[in-house]
């Protein structure tokens, strides 16, 4: 997932120069501002995905006494 988010961030970065000439209808802001926000979001999602992968890979197994017992199914009475 981190690689996909990173690839989207890079692709968005390459489009910044192209969309800079477009202006928003009301505020007249360059389109590159919107794309820069999307690019930043994708980069941050890539960082979060890397962090989650790191934590999952190096997580310590929980001792058996800390694992919650299964909840019994209702009997239907």
N, C-alpha and C. Protein backbone atom coordinates (compact mmCIF):
# COMPACT_ATOMS: atom_id res chain seq x y z
N UNK A 1 0.82 -1.18 0.00
CA UNK A 1 0.00 0.00 0.00
C UNK A 1 0.87 1.26 0.00
N UNK A 2 1.95 1.21 0.76
CA UNK A 2 2.83 2.38 0.82
C UNK A 2 3.40 2.69 -0.56
N UNK A 3 3.75 1.65 -1.31
CA UNK A 3 4.27 1.86 -2.66
C UNK A 3 3.24 2.48 -3.59
N UNK A 4 1.99 2.03 -3.47
CA UNK A 4 0.93 2.60 -4.31
C UNK A 4 0.68 4.06 -3.97
N UNK A 5 0.62 4.37 -2.67
CA UNK A 5 0.44 5.77 -2.27
C UNK A 5 1.64 6.62 -2.73
N UNK A 6 2.83 6.07 -2.62
CA UNK A 6 4.02 6.79 -3.09
C UNK A 6 3.97 7.04 -4.59
N UNK A 7 3.54 6.04 -5.34
CA UNK A 7 3.44 6.20 -6.79
C UNK A 7 2.41 7.27 -7.16
N UNK A 8 1.29 7.30 -6.42
CA UNK A 8 0.29 8.34 -6.67
C UNK A 8 0.84 9.72 -6.33
N UNK A 9 1.63 9.82 -5.27
CA UNK A 9 2.22 11.11 -4.91
C UNK A 9 3.20 11.58 -5.99
N UNK A 10 4.00 10.67 -6.50
CA UNK A 10 4.96 11.03 -7.56
C UNK A 10 4.22 11.43 -8.84
N UNK A 11 3.18 10.69 -9.20
CA UNK A 11 2.41 11.03 -10.41
C UNK A 11 1.74 12.40 -10.26
N UNK A 12 1.24 12.69 -9.07
CA UNK A 12 0.63 13.99 -8.83
C UNK A 12 1.67 15.09 -8.90
N UNK A 13 2.86 14.84 -8.37
CA UNK A 13 3.93 15.84 -8.42
C UNK A 13 4.28 16.19 -9.86
N UNK A 14 4.29 15.19 -10.73
CA UNK A 14 4.62 15.43 -12.14
C UNK A 14 3.56 16.25 -12.86
N UNK A 15 2.35 16.29 -12.31
CA UNK A 15 1.26 17.02 -12.95
C UNK A 15 1.14 18.46 -12.45
N UNK A 16 1.90 18.83 -11.41
CA UNK A 16 1.76 20.16 -10.82
C UNK A 16 1.98 21.29 -11.83
N UNK A 17 3.00 21.15 -12.65
CA UNK A 17 3.30 22.20 -13.63
C UNK A 17 2.20 22.31 -14.68
N UNK A 18 1.61 21.18 -15.05
CA UNK A 18 0.56 21.18 -16.07
C UNK A 18 -0.70 21.88 -15.57
N UNK A 19 -1.10 21.59 -14.32
CA UNK A 19 -2.35 22.12 -13.80
C UNK A 19 -2.20 23.50 -13.17
N UNK A 20 -0.98 24.03 -13.12
CA UNK A 20 -0.77 25.34 -12.51
C UNK A 20 -1.50 26.45 -13.27
N UNK A 21 -1.66 26.30 -14.56
CA UNK A 21 -2.32 27.33 -15.37
C UNK A 21 -3.83 27.37 -15.18
N UNK A 22 -4.41 26.27 -14.69
CA UNK A 22 -5.86 26.25 -14.46
C UNK A 22 -6.17 27.07 -13.21
N UNK A 23 -7.29 27.78 -13.24
CA UNK A 23 -7.71 28.59 -12.09
C UNK A 23 -9.07 28.10 -11.59
N UNK A 24 -9.25 28.15 -10.26
CA UNK A 24 -10.55 27.79 -9.71
C UNK A 24 -11.55 28.88 -10.07
N UNK A 25 -12.81 28.51 -10.33
CA UNK A 25 -13.79 29.48 -10.82
C UNK A 25 -14.06 30.65 -9.87
N UNK A 26 -14.11 30.40 -8.58
CA UNK A 26 -14.51 31.45 -7.65
C UNK A 26 -13.30 32.17 -7.06
N UNK A 27 -12.35 31.42 -6.53
CA UNK A 27 -11.21 32.03 -5.83
C UNK A 27 -10.06 32.40 -6.75
N UNK A 28 -10.09 31.91 -7.98
CA UNK A 28 -9.02 32.17 -8.94
C UNK A 28 -7.65 31.69 -8.44
N UNK A 29 -7.64 30.59 -7.68
CA UNK A 29 -6.39 30.00 -7.21
C UNK A 29 -5.88 29.02 -8.27
N UNK A 30 -4.56 28.89 -8.38
CA UNK A 30 -4.02 27.94 -9.35
C UNK A 30 -4.43 26.50 -9.00
N UNK A 31 -4.62 25.70 -10.02
CA UNK A 31 -4.98 24.30 -9.81
C UNK A 31 -3.90 23.50 -9.13
N UNK A 32 -2.68 24.02 -9.16
CA UNK A 32 -1.57 23.29 -8.54
C UNK A 32 -1.72 23.25 -7.02
N UNK A 33 -2.46 24.19 -6.44
CA UNK A 33 -2.66 24.16 -4.98
C UNK A 33 -3.48 22.93 -4.60
N UNK A 34 -4.53 22.67 -5.34
CA UNK A 34 -5.35 21.48 -5.07
C UNK A 34 -4.53 20.22 -5.25
N UNK A 35 -3.77 20.14 -6.31
CA UNK A 35 -2.97 18.95 -6.58
C UNK A 35 -1.87 18.80 -5.53
N UNK A 36 -1.31 19.89 -5.04
CA UNK A 36 -0.29 19.81 -4.00
C UNK A 36 -0.88 19.26 -2.70
N UNK A 37 -2.12 19.63 -2.41
CA UNK A 37 -2.79 19.08 -1.23
C UNK A 37 -3.02 17.58 -1.38
N UNK A 38 -3.47 17.16 -2.56
CA UNK A 38 -3.66 15.73 -2.81
C UNK A 38 -2.33 14.99 -2.72
N UNK A 39 -1.28 15.58 -3.29
CA UNK A 39 0.05 14.96 -3.25
C UNK A 39 0.53 14.81 -1.81
N UNK A 40 0.33 15.84 -1.00
CA UNK A 40 0.74 15.77 0.41
C UNK A 40 -0.03 14.69 1.14
N UNK A 41 -1.32 14.59 0.88
CA UNK A 41 -2.13 13.55 1.51
C UNK A 41 -1.67 12.16 1.13
N UNK A 42 -1.35 11.94 -0.13
CA UNK A 42 -0.86 10.64 -0.57
C UNK A 42 0.49 10.30 0.07
N UNK A 43 1.36 11.30 0.18
CA UNK A 43 2.66 11.08 0.82
C UNK A 43 2.48 10.73 2.30
N UNK A 44 1.57 11.41 2.97
CA UNK A 44 1.33 11.11 4.39
C UNK A 44 0.69 9.73 4.56
N UNK A 45 -0.20 9.36 3.65
CA UNK A 45 -0.77 8.01 3.71
C UNK A 45 0.30 6.95 3.49
N UNK A 46 1.28 7.23 2.62
CA UNK A 46 2.38 6.30 2.41
C UNK A 46 3.19 6.14 3.69
N UNK A 47 3.44 7.25 4.39
CA UNK A 47 4.18 7.18 5.65
C UNK A 47 3.40 6.36 6.67
N UNK A 48 2.09 6.59 6.77
CA UNK A 48 1.28 5.81 7.71
C UNK A 48 1.26 4.33 7.36
N UNK A 49 1.20 4.01 6.08
CA UNK A 49 1.23 2.61 5.67
C UNK A 49 2.57 1.96 6.02
N UNK A 50 3.66 2.70 5.84
CA UNK A 50 4.97 2.18 6.23
C UNK A 50 5.04 1.97 7.74
N UNK A 51 4.50 2.90 8.49
CA UNK A 51 4.51 2.77 9.95
C UNK A 51 3.70 1.55 10.39
N UNK A 52 2.54 1.35 9.79
CA UNK A 52 1.71 0.20 10.13
C UNK A 52 2.41 -1.11 9.77
N UNK A 53 3.06 -1.13 8.62
CA UNK A 53 3.79 -2.34 8.21
C UNK A 53 4.94 -2.61 9.17
N UNK A 54 5.65 -1.57 9.58
CA UNK A 54 6.75 -1.73 10.53
C UNK A 54 6.25 -2.30 11.85
N UNK A 55 5.16 -1.74 12.36
CA UNK A 55 4.60 -2.21 13.62
C UNK A 55 4.10 -3.65 13.51
N UNK A 56 3.49 -4.00 12.40
CA UNK A 56 2.99 -5.36 12.23
C UNK A 56 4.15 -6.35 12.10
N UNK A 57 5.20 -5.94 11.44
CA UNK A 57 6.33 -6.84 11.22
C UNK A 57 7.10 -7.11 12.51
N UNK A 58 7.28 -6.06 13.31
CA UNK A 58 8.11 -6.19 14.51
C UNK A 58 7.29 -6.26 15.80
N UNK A 59 6.00 -6.57 15.70
CA UNK A 59 5.16 -6.66 16.90
C UNK A 59 5.55 -7.89 17.71
N UNK A 60 5.55 -7.69 19.01
CA UNK A 60 5.83 -8.80 19.92
C UNK A 60 4.54 -9.58 20.15
N UNK A 61 4.61 -10.90 20.15
CA UNK A 61 3.39 -11.68 20.40
C UNK A 61 2.92 -11.45 21.84
N UNK A 62 1.61 -11.38 22.01
CA UNK A 62 1.06 -11.18 23.34
C UNK A 62 1.07 -12.49 24.10
N UNK A 63 1.35 -12.46 25.40
CA UNK A 63 1.28 -13.69 26.20
C UNK A 63 -0.14 -14.25 26.21
N UNK A 64 -0.25 -15.56 26.44
CA UNK A 64 -1.56 -16.23 26.37
C UNK A 64 -2.53 -15.68 27.39
N UNK A 65 -2.05 -15.24 28.55
CA UNK A 65 -2.98 -14.75 29.57
C UNK A 65 -3.53 -13.36 29.24
N UNK A 66 -2.95 -12.66 28.27
CA UNK A 66 -3.45 -11.36 27.86
C UNK A 66 -4.45 -11.45 26.70
N UNK A 67 -4.53 -12.60 26.08
CA UNK A 67 -5.45 -12.78 24.95
C UNK A 67 -6.86 -12.97 25.52
N UNK A 68 -7.81 -12.24 24.97
CA UNK A 68 -9.19 -12.33 25.45
C UNK A 68 -9.81 -13.65 25.02
N UNK A 69 -10.56 -14.30 25.94
CA UNK A 69 -11.22 -15.55 25.55
C UNK A 69 -12.35 -15.26 24.57
N UNK A 70 -12.69 -16.24 23.73
CA UNK A 70 -13.78 -16.03 22.76
C UNK A 70 -15.11 -15.85 23.48
N UNK A 71 -15.98 -15.04 22.91
CA UNK A 71 -17.30 -14.82 23.46
C UNK A 71 -18.20 -15.95 23.00
N UNK A 72 -18.90 -16.62 23.96
CA UNK A 72 -19.76 -17.73 23.52
C UNK A 72 -20.94 -17.21 22.71
N UNK A 73 -21.39 -18.03 21.77
CA UNK A 73 -22.53 -17.68 20.91
C UNK A 73 -23.81 -17.78 21.72
N UNK A 74 -24.80 -16.95 21.41
CA UNK A 74 -26.09 -17.06 22.12
C UNK A 74 -26.75 -18.39 21.84
N UNK A 75 -27.44 -18.92 22.86
CA UNK A 75 -28.04 -20.24 22.74
C UNK A 75 -29.40 -20.21 22.08
N UNK A 76 -30.05 -19.05 21.98
CA UNK A 76 -31.33 -18.94 21.29
C UNK A 76 -32.52 -19.28 22.15
N UNK A 77 -32.40 -19.27 23.46
CA UNK A 77 -33.52 -19.60 24.34
C UNK A 77 -34.46 -18.44 24.50
